[in-house]
N, C-alpha and C. Protein backbone atom coordinates (compact mmCIF):
# COMPACT_ATOMS: atom_id res chain seq x y z
N UNK A 1 1.78 -6.14 -3.69
CA UNK A 1 0.95 -5.40 -4.60
C UNK A 1 0.91 -3.94 -4.15
N UNK A 2 1.13 -3.05 -5.09
CA UNK A 2 1.20 -1.64 -4.77
C UNK A 2 0.17 -0.89 -5.60
N UNK A 3 -0.56 0.01 -4.95
CA UNK A 3 -1.50 0.88 -5.64
C UNK A 3 -1.45 2.24 -4.98
N UNK A 4 -1.11 3.26 -5.76
CA UNK A 4 -1.09 4.63 -5.27
C UNK A 4 -2.17 5.41 -6.00
N UNK A 5 -2.92 6.19 -5.24
CA UNK A 5 -4.01 6.97 -5.80
C UNK A 5 -3.77 8.43 -5.45
N UNK A 6 -4.06 9.31 -6.39
CA UNK A 6 -3.90 10.74 -6.16
C UNK A 6 -5.07 11.47 -6.80
N UNK A 7 -5.25 12.73 -6.42
CA UNK A 7 -6.33 13.53 -6.98
C UNK A 7 -5.79 14.88 -7.40
N UNK A 8 -6.17 15.31 -8.59
CA UNK A 8 -5.88 16.66 -9.06
C UNK A 8 -7.17 17.20 -9.68
N UNK A 9 -7.15 18.45 -10.08
CA UNK A 9 -8.33 19.04 -10.71
C UNK A 9 -8.01 19.42 -12.14
N UNK A 10 -8.97 19.22 -13.01
CA UNK A 10 -8.88 19.64 -14.40
C UNK A 10 -10.23 20.24 -14.78
N UNK A 11 -10.23 21.50 -15.12
CA UNK A 11 -11.48 22.21 -15.45
C UNK A 11 -12.49 22.08 -14.31
N UNK A 12 -12.01 22.11 -13.08
CA UNK A 12 -12.89 22.06 -11.93
C UNK A 12 -13.38 20.68 -11.53
N UNK A 13 -13.05 19.67 -12.31
CA UNK A 13 -13.50 18.30 -12.01
C UNK A 13 -12.31 17.48 -11.52
N UNK A 14 -12.55 16.57 -10.59
CA UNK A 14 -11.44 15.75 -10.10
C UNK A 14 -10.93 14.76 -11.13
N UNK A 15 -9.63 14.57 -11.10
CA UNK A 15 -8.96 13.55 -11.90
C UNK A 15 -8.22 12.65 -10.91
N UNK A 16 -8.61 11.39 -10.87
CA UNK A 16 -7.96 10.43 -9.99
C UNK A 16 -6.84 9.75 -10.76
N UNK A 17 -5.62 9.87 -10.27
CA UNK A 17 -4.47 9.20 -10.86
C UNK A 17 -4.28 7.85 -10.20
N UNK A 18 -4.16 6.82 -11.02
CA UNK A 18 -3.99 5.45 -10.53
C UNK A 18 -2.61 4.98 -10.95
N UNK A 19 -1.80 4.57 -9.99
CA UNK A 19 -0.43 4.17 -10.24
C UNK A 19 -0.18 2.82 -9.59
N UNK A 20 0.11 1.79 -10.39
CA UNK A 20 0.42 0.47 -9.84
C UNK A 20 -0.49 -0.61 -10.37
N UNK A 21 -0.76 -1.59 -9.51
CA UNK A 21 -1.51 -2.78 -9.88
C UNK A 21 -2.94 -2.70 -9.37
N UNK A 22 -3.89 -2.95 -10.27
CA UNK A 22 -5.31 -2.96 -9.89
C UNK A 22 -5.79 -4.39 -10.10
N UNK A 23 -5.89 -5.12 -8.99
CA UNK A 23 -6.19 -6.55 -9.07
C UNK A 23 -7.06 -6.97 -7.89
N UNK A 24 -7.16 -8.25 -7.68
CA UNK A 24 -7.97 -8.82 -6.61
C UNK A 24 -7.71 -8.16 -5.26
N UNK A 25 -6.44 -7.84 -4.99
CA UNK A 25 -6.09 -7.27 -3.69
C UNK A 25 -6.31 -5.77 -3.59
N UNK A 26 -6.41 -5.06 -4.70
CA UNK A 26 -6.49 -3.60 -4.65
C UNK A 26 -7.73 -3.01 -5.30
N UNK A 27 -8.49 -3.81 -6.03
CA UNK A 27 -9.66 -3.28 -6.76
C UNK A 27 -10.69 -2.66 -5.83
N UNK A 28 -10.95 -3.27 -4.69
CA UNK A 28 -11.92 -2.69 -3.76
C UNK A 28 -11.44 -1.34 -3.23
N UNK A 29 -10.14 -1.22 -2.98
CA UNK A 29 -9.58 0.06 -2.54
C UNK A 29 -9.79 1.13 -3.62
N UNK A 30 -9.57 0.76 -4.88
CA UNK A 30 -9.78 1.71 -5.97
C UNK A 30 -11.24 2.13 -6.01
N UNK A 31 -12.16 1.18 -5.97
CA UNK A 31 -13.58 1.53 -6.03
C UNK A 31 -13.97 2.43 -4.86
N UNK A 32 -13.56 2.10 -3.67
CA UNK A 32 -13.92 2.91 -2.50
C UNK A 32 -13.37 4.32 -2.63
N UNK A 33 -12.17 4.47 -3.14
CA UNK A 33 -11.58 5.79 -3.34
C UNK A 33 -12.39 6.57 -4.37
N UNK A 34 -12.72 5.92 -5.50
CA UNK A 34 -13.51 6.58 -6.54
C UNK A 34 -14.89 6.95 -6.01
N UNK A 35 -15.53 6.05 -5.29
CA UNK A 35 -16.85 6.33 -4.74
C UNK A 35 -16.82 7.50 -3.77
N UNK A 36 -15.78 7.59 -2.97
CA UNK A 36 -15.62 8.72 -2.05
C UNK A 36 -15.48 10.02 -2.82
N UNK A 37 -14.66 10.02 -3.86
CA UNK A 37 -14.50 11.22 -4.69
C UNK A 37 -15.82 11.63 -5.33
N UNK A 38 -16.56 10.67 -5.82
CA UNK A 38 -17.85 10.94 -6.47
C UNK A 38 -18.83 11.53 -5.46
N UNK A 39 -18.87 10.97 -4.28
CA UNK A 39 -19.81 11.47 -3.26
C UNK A 39 -19.40 12.83 -2.73
N UNK A 40 -18.11 13.09 -2.61
CA UNK A 40 -17.64 14.35 -2.05
C UNK A 40 -17.59 15.48 -3.08
N UNK A 41 -17.24 15.14 -4.33
CA UNK A 41 -16.99 16.19 -5.32
C UNK A 41 -17.93 16.17 -6.51
N UNK A 42 -18.88 15.26 -6.51
CA UNK A 42 -19.86 15.21 -7.59
C UNK A 42 -19.58 14.11 -8.59
N UNK A 43 -20.57 13.85 -9.46
CA UNK A 43 -20.53 12.69 -10.34
C UNK A 43 -19.76 12.87 -11.65
N UNK A 44 -19.02 13.95 -11.81
CA UNK A 44 -18.17 14.12 -12.98
C UNK A 44 -16.74 13.81 -12.57
N UNK A 45 -16.19 12.73 -13.11
CA UNK A 45 -14.90 12.25 -12.64
C UNK A 45 -14.10 11.69 -13.81
N UNK A 46 -12.80 11.98 -13.81
CA UNK A 46 -11.88 11.36 -14.76
C UNK A 46 -10.94 10.44 -13.99
N UNK A 47 -10.56 9.34 -14.62
CA UNK A 47 -9.64 8.39 -14.01
C UNK A 47 -8.47 8.21 -14.96
N UNK A 48 -7.30 8.64 -14.52
CA UNK A 48 -6.07 8.57 -15.32
C UNK A 48 -5.40 7.22 -15.06
N UNK A 49 -5.41 6.36 -16.08
CA UNK A 49 -4.89 5.00 -15.95
C UNK A 49 -3.53 4.82 -16.62
N UNK A 50 -2.87 5.89 -17.00
CA UNK A 50 -1.61 5.77 -17.75
C UNK A 50 -0.50 5.07 -16.97
N UNK A 51 -0.57 5.06 -15.62
CA UNK A 51 0.49 4.46 -14.81
C UNK A 51 0.09 3.12 -14.20
N UNK A 52 -0.98 2.54 -14.72
CA UNK A 52 -1.39 1.21 -14.26
C UNK A 52 -0.43 0.19 -14.88
N UNK A 53 0.21 -0.60 -14.02
CA UNK A 53 1.18 -1.59 -14.50
C UNK A 53 0.56 -2.97 -14.70
N UNK A 54 -0.60 -3.21 -14.07
CA UNK A 54 -1.31 -4.47 -14.20
C UNK A 54 -2.76 -4.23 -13.84
N UNK A 55 -3.68 -4.85 -14.57
CA UNK A 55 -5.09 -4.81 -14.22
C UNK A 55 -5.71 -6.15 -14.56
N UNK A 56 -6.53 -6.68 -13.64
CA UNK A 56 -7.25 -7.92 -13.92
C UNK A 56 -8.74 -7.60 -13.99
N UNK A 57 -9.56 -8.63 -14.09
CA UNK A 57 -11.00 -8.42 -14.24
C UNK A 57 -11.61 -7.73 -13.03
N UNK A 58 -11.06 -7.94 -11.85
CA UNK A 58 -11.57 -7.25 -10.66
C UNK A 58 -11.31 -5.75 -10.76
N UNK A 59 -10.17 -5.38 -11.34
CA UNK A 59 -9.88 -3.96 -11.56
C UNK A 59 -10.85 -3.34 -12.55
N UNK A 60 -11.11 -4.05 -13.63
CA UNK A 60 -12.07 -3.56 -14.63
C UNK A 60 -13.46 -3.44 -14.00
N UNK A 61 -13.83 -4.38 -13.16
CA UNK A 61 -15.14 -4.33 -12.50
C UNK A 61 -15.23 -3.12 -11.57
N UNK A 62 -14.13 -2.76 -10.92
CA UNK A 62 -14.13 -1.59 -10.04
C UNK A 62 -14.39 -0.32 -10.84
N UNK A 63 -13.77 -0.22 -12.00
CA UNK A 63 -13.98 0.93 -12.87
C UNK A 63 -15.43 0.98 -13.35
N UNK A 64 -15.97 -0.15 -13.73
CA UNK A 64 -17.35 -0.21 -14.20
C UNK A 64 -18.34 0.15 -13.08
N UNK A 65 -18.09 -0.33 -11.88
CA UNK A 65 -18.95 0.02 -10.73
C UNK A 65 -18.93 1.51 -10.48
N UNK A 66 -17.76 2.12 -10.57
CA UNK A 66 -17.65 3.57 -10.36
C UNK A 66 -18.40 4.32 -11.46
N UNK A 67 -18.32 3.82 -12.68
CA UNK A 67 -19.06 4.44 -13.77
C UNK A 67 -20.56 4.37 -13.52
N UNK A 68 -21.03 3.23 -13.06
CA UNK A 68 -22.46 3.09 -12.75
C UNK A 68 -22.89 4.07 -11.67
N UNK A 69 -22.03 4.26 -10.67
CA UNK A 69 -22.34 5.21 -9.60
C UNK A 69 -22.44 6.63 -10.16
N UNK A 70 -21.48 7.03 -10.99
CA UNK A 70 -21.54 8.39 -11.55
C UNK A 70 -22.81 8.58 -12.37
N UNK A 71 -23.14 7.58 -13.19
CA UNK A 71 -24.33 7.70 -14.04
C UNK A 71 -25.62 7.70 -13.21
N UNK A 72 -25.65 6.97 -12.13
CA UNK A 72 -26.85 6.97 -11.28
C UNK A 72 -27.08 8.33 -10.64
N UNK A 73 -26.01 9.13 -10.56
CA UNK A 73 -26.09 10.47 -9.98
C UNK A 73 -26.14 11.56 -11.05
N UNK A 74 -26.29 11.14 -12.32
CA UNK A 74 -26.42 12.11 -13.41
C UNK A 74 -25.11 12.59 -14.00
N UNK A 75 -24.02 11.90 -13.72
CA UNK A 75 -22.70 12.31 -14.23
C UNK A 75 -22.09 11.26 -15.13
N UNK A 76 -20.78 11.24 -15.19
CA UNK A 76 -20.07 10.27 -16.01
C UNK A 76 -18.63 10.11 -15.54
N UNK A 77 -18.07 8.96 -15.81
CA UNK A 77 -16.67 8.67 -15.55
C UNK A 77 -15.96 8.59 -16.90
N UNK A 78 -14.84 9.31 -17.03
CA UNK A 78 -14.06 9.31 -18.26
C UNK A 78 -12.68 8.73 -17.97
N UNK A 79 -12.22 7.83 -18.83
CA UNK A 79 -10.88 7.29 -18.71
C UNK A 79 -9.89 8.22 -19.39
N UNK A 80 -8.73 8.39 -18.77
CA UNK A 80 -7.67 9.19 -19.36
C UNK A 80 -6.50 8.27 -19.65
N UNK A 81 -6.23 8.06 -20.90
CA UNK A 81 -5.05 7.36 -21.39
C UNK A 81 -4.73 6.05 -20.66
N UNK A 82 -5.57 5.04 -20.78
CA UNK A 82 -5.24 3.77 -20.13
C UNK A 82 -3.92 3.20 -20.65
N UNK A 83 -3.11 2.70 -19.74
CA UNK A 83 -1.88 2.02 -20.12
C UNK A 83 -2.24 0.79 -20.94
N UNK A 84 -1.24 0.20 -21.56
CA UNK A 84 -1.48 -1.02 -22.34
C UNK A 84 -2.12 -2.13 -21.50
N UNK A 85 -1.62 -2.40 -20.26
CA UNK A 85 -2.27 -3.45 -19.46
C UNK A 85 -3.73 -3.12 -19.12
N UNK A 86 -4.02 -1.87 -18.81
CA UNK A 86 -5.39 -1.49 -18.47
C UNK A 86 -6.28 -1.57 -19.70
N UNK A 87 -5.82 -1.05 -20.82
CA UNK A 87 -6.62 -1.07 -22.05
C UNK A 87 -6.89 -2.50 -22.50
N UNK A 88 -5.92 -3.37 -22.34
CA UNK A 88 -6.08 -4.77 -22.75
C UNK A 88 -7.20 -5.45 -21.96
N UNK A 89 -7.17 -5.33 -20.64
CA UNK A 89 -8.19 -6.01 -19.84
C UNK A 89 -9.55 -5.33 -19.98
N UNK A 90 -9.59 -4.02 -20.04
CA UNK A 90 -10.87 -3.34 -20.22
C UNK A 90 -11.50 -3.72 -21.55
N UNK A 91 -10.69 -3.80 -22.59
CA UNK A 91 -11.21 -4.20 -23.89
C UNK A 91 -11.65 -5.65 -23.93
N UNK A 92 -10.97 -6.51 -23.18
CA UNK A 92 -11.32 -7.94 -23.17
C UNK A 92 -12.52 -8.22 -22.27
N UNK A 93 -12.58 -7.55 -21.14
CA UNK A 93 -13.64 -7.81 -20.17
C UNK A 93 -14.92 -7.07 -20.53
N UNK A 94 -14.79 -5.90 -21.14
CA UNK A 94 -15.95 -5.06 -21.42
C UNK A 94 -16.06 -4.73 -22.90
N UNK A 95 -15.99 -5.72 -23.78
CA UNK A 95 -15.97 -5.39 -25.21
C UNK A 95 -17.22 -4.71 -25.70
N UNK A 96 -18.35 -4.92 -25.05
CA UNK A 96 -19.60 -4.30 -25.47
C UNK A 96 -19.90 -3.02 -24.69
N UNK A 97 -19.09 -2.69 -23.71
CA UNK A 97 -19.35 -1.53 -22.88
C UNK A 97 -18.59 -0.32 -23.39
N UNK A 98 -19.24 0.82 -23.37
CA UNK A 98 -18.60 2.08 -23.71
C UNK A 98 -18.55 2.90 -22.43
N UNK A 99 -17.36 3.23 -21.97
CA UNK A 99 -17.22 3.95 -20.72
C UNK A 99 -17.42 5.46 -20.89
N UNK A 100 -17.70 5.92 -22.08
CA UNK A 100 -17.92 7.34 -22.32
C UNK A 100 -19.39 7.62 -22.52
N UNK A 101 -19.76 8.91 -22.41
CA UNK A 101 -21.15 9.26 -22.71
C UNK A 101 -21.46 9.01 -24.17
N UNK A 102 -22.72 8.85 -24.54
CA UNK A 102 -23.08 8.66 -25.94
C UNK A 102 -22.53 9.77 -26.82
N UNK A 103 -21.96 9.39 -27.96
CA UNK A 103 -21.43 10.36 -28.90
C UNK A 103 -20.02 10.82 -28.62
N UNK A 104 -19.38 10.32 -27.56
CA UNK A 104 -18.01 10.69 -27.24
C UNK A 104 -17.15 9.44 -27.20
N UNK A 105 -15.82 9.64 -27.29
CA UNK A 105 -14.92 8.50 -27.20
C UNK A 105 -14.75 8.09 -25.75
N UNK A 106 -14.34 6.87 -25.53
CA UNK A 106 -14.21 6.33 -24.18
C UNK A 106 -12.98 6.86 -23.46
N UNK A 107 -12.03 7.40 -24.19
CA UNK A 107 -10.80 7.86 -23.59
C UNK A 107 -10.60 9.32 -23.93
N UNK A 108 -10.18 10.09 -22.96
CA UNK A 108 -9.94 11.51 -23.19
C UNK A 108 -8.94 11.69 -24.33
N UNK A 109 -9.08 12.76 -25.14
CA UNK A 109 -8.28 12.91 -26.36
C UNK A 109 -6.79 13.08 -26.14
N UNK A 110 -6.34 13.39 -24.94
CA UNK A 110 -4.90 13.60 -24.76
C UNK A 110 -4.10 12.30 -24.73
N UNK A 111 -4.77 11.16 -24.85
CA UNK A 111 -4.09 9.88 -24.90
C UNK A 111 -3.32 9.76 -26.22
N UNK A 112 -2.09 9.31 -26.18
CA UNK A 112 -1.25 9.26 -27.37
C UNK A 112 -1.11 7.89 -27.98
N UNK A 113 -1.57 6.84 -27.34
CA UNK A 113 -1.40 5.51 -27.92
C UNK A 113 -2.76 4.86 -28.19
N UNK A 114 -2.81 3.97 -29.16
CA UNK A 114 -4.07 3.32 -29.48
C UNK A 114 -4.54 2.42 -28.35
N UNK A 115 -5.79 2.17 -28.29
CA UNK A 115 -6.36 1.35 -27.24
C UNK A 115 -7.61 0.68 -27.78
N UNK A 116 -8.07 -0.41 -27.18
CA UNK A 116 -9.23 -1.12 -27.71
C UNK A 116 -10.56 -0.48 -27.34
N UNK A 117 -10.57 0.58 -26.53
CA UNK A 117 -11.83 1.16 -26.10
C UNK A 117 -12.33 2.26 -27.00
N UNK A 118 -11.51 2.81 -27.86
CA UNK A 118 -11.91 3.98 -28.64
C UNK A 118 -12.58 3.60 -29.86
């Protein structure tokens, strides 16, 4: 199982790039990385999921936990263009959850393909 994480900045806020498989073996690593970014750089965070090749319910739970952390600190977590595997599990596991702030879409507008979260 392979998971690569990277950080870049967009409009002064961190964007975490997720590349690989987010599953039972890697979901805790993803959450810990996101939590570290949130604690170090503040509660406004984007997570770019376009390169996720596989995600299971543990991966979706890691994303949701990170979102709860950002919101508890007065911020928000925004998804950037979830890949088909990520969008499928997020839509199936969290059908009633909106990962975006009220009045906004769950996925940043630069996403080019349809997804079940928008």
